[in-house]
Structures are given as C-alpha cells and as structure tokens.
Amino acid sequence: MRKSRTRLLTAAVLVALAIAATGCRIGGGGEGGEIRAAFEEAAPKPQWWDGVSTKGVKIETYADLLAYWQNDERSENQFFKAAYEAIQRHPVDDDLVANAINLMPHGDSAYPHTVTMLEFAMDHYFDYDRPLGNYQGKSGDTVAGIVRQLAGIYNRTSDYGYTIALVEKLLYLRETEVNDQLLELVSLEYAEALYSFGRSDDAIVALQTAIDRYDGDWEKKLADQLKKYQRRRR
C-alpha cells in the first residue's frame, strides 16, 4: 500500500515539475489534460460507478457544486460521481476541484482511494484560497478540511509521522487563514499523532496551545483529551 501511494505521489511530482518547466501553474493555464490524468490516477473510479446515474446533473461551477451538495434528493454516491465528472470536465477550475475533493469522501465513506485522492489535493492545492462571499469562515478552510480528513485516516492506519508533518505544515504556513473550529479539530488529530508517536509532552503542549489560542466549540473535547494524556503521564 505504501509503495503504491509513493508511486502516485512521485507521478504527481513529475507532472508538477513538467508543468513548472513550461511556466504554468498547477490548477491554472493550459495544463488541464495533465491535471485530469493525475487526478484519475490518484482517484480511480469506484466499482459502483456504472450502477449510479447522474443523468440530468451537471456541476459546471463552484456554485453548482455547493447547490448539489445541499440537495437532499440526491444520494451520497450520486454526489461523488457528479463531483468527479465535474473535475474531469473542469480540471483547471481550482474552486470547483479543491472543494469537490474536500466533499467527495462524504459521498463514499468506503472509497478505497480516499487517501491518494486527498494527497493529490495536498500536492496541488495546498495554497488554495476558498472564495468567501456568503461563507462565514476563512480562505484556508477548504485546505484545512482536507488536512483534517487526511490526518484522521493517517491516525487510523498508524501513519502518525504523516499526520505530524502535514499538520505542522498547515499550522506553520496557513494557521491564520483557518477558522478556530477547524483548527481545534485539526489539533485533536495532531495531539493524537504526537501521543501515539511517543511524544506525550508535545501532545500535551499541542492541546494546551489549542485551548489557549482558539475559540471554537471543541474546547471541552480538547480539555478532556488533555486531562487523559496528563493522567497517563503520571
């Protein structure tokens, strides 16, 4: 599993280098074919694909994506497929692609390529700024949402070093661009990874820092986790 994931990431890096050599930027310009191919390699179609219909559904814009996400009449798999097809049609629309990938794991919780799909997003869209408009959060929230999901999966598969590196990159480069609610949730994943990696003191510091710095709705959970780690350390 780790070898195939590394191969996919290496392929994505090679694509990025090739595009950079031509003076183009990932997610923009004329490199739609390369981005589409890299996405399809990182996120192959699920086995149920042919059995789910998206007839009459076309997501062409970021606004279309959000509208279909809020449509109570569609199934989870229909959303996943419609979002996937939208990425195939509009691979250079950063708003559509980055936000689609952030939401797609909710459309198929058993999708076997979730990790490589989210890693593709991190490779290509880590600097992405979400349009604010009527959205009450911050510009880095989409990226933080992807980081949170990926960190959770890494922790469940005991890939704690990956979580630590990913979250530290987010906190170092984009902390001020992410809302406190998401930062608290990311901090919980971060602390779990640190503790499980044998860095209990750092985990305690991470939780206390989150309690002191952020003003979201997860302070009680942060405090409970902090007490648990402190008890275990005694």
Foldseek 3Di string as FASTA:
>chain_A
DVVLLVVLVVLLVVLQVVCVVVVDAFLDDDCLVSLLVSLCSLAPDDPCQVVDDLPPQADQALVSLVVVVPDPPDALLSSLNNLNVNCNVRVSHLQSVLQSLLSNCSSPVPRPSNLSNLVSCCSRPQVAFHDCVVNPWFGNASNLSSLLVNLVVCVVVLVLVVNQVSLVVCCVPPVVRGALASLLSSLVSNLSSCVSVVNLVVSLVSLVCSLVPGDDDCNVVSVVVNVVSVVVVD
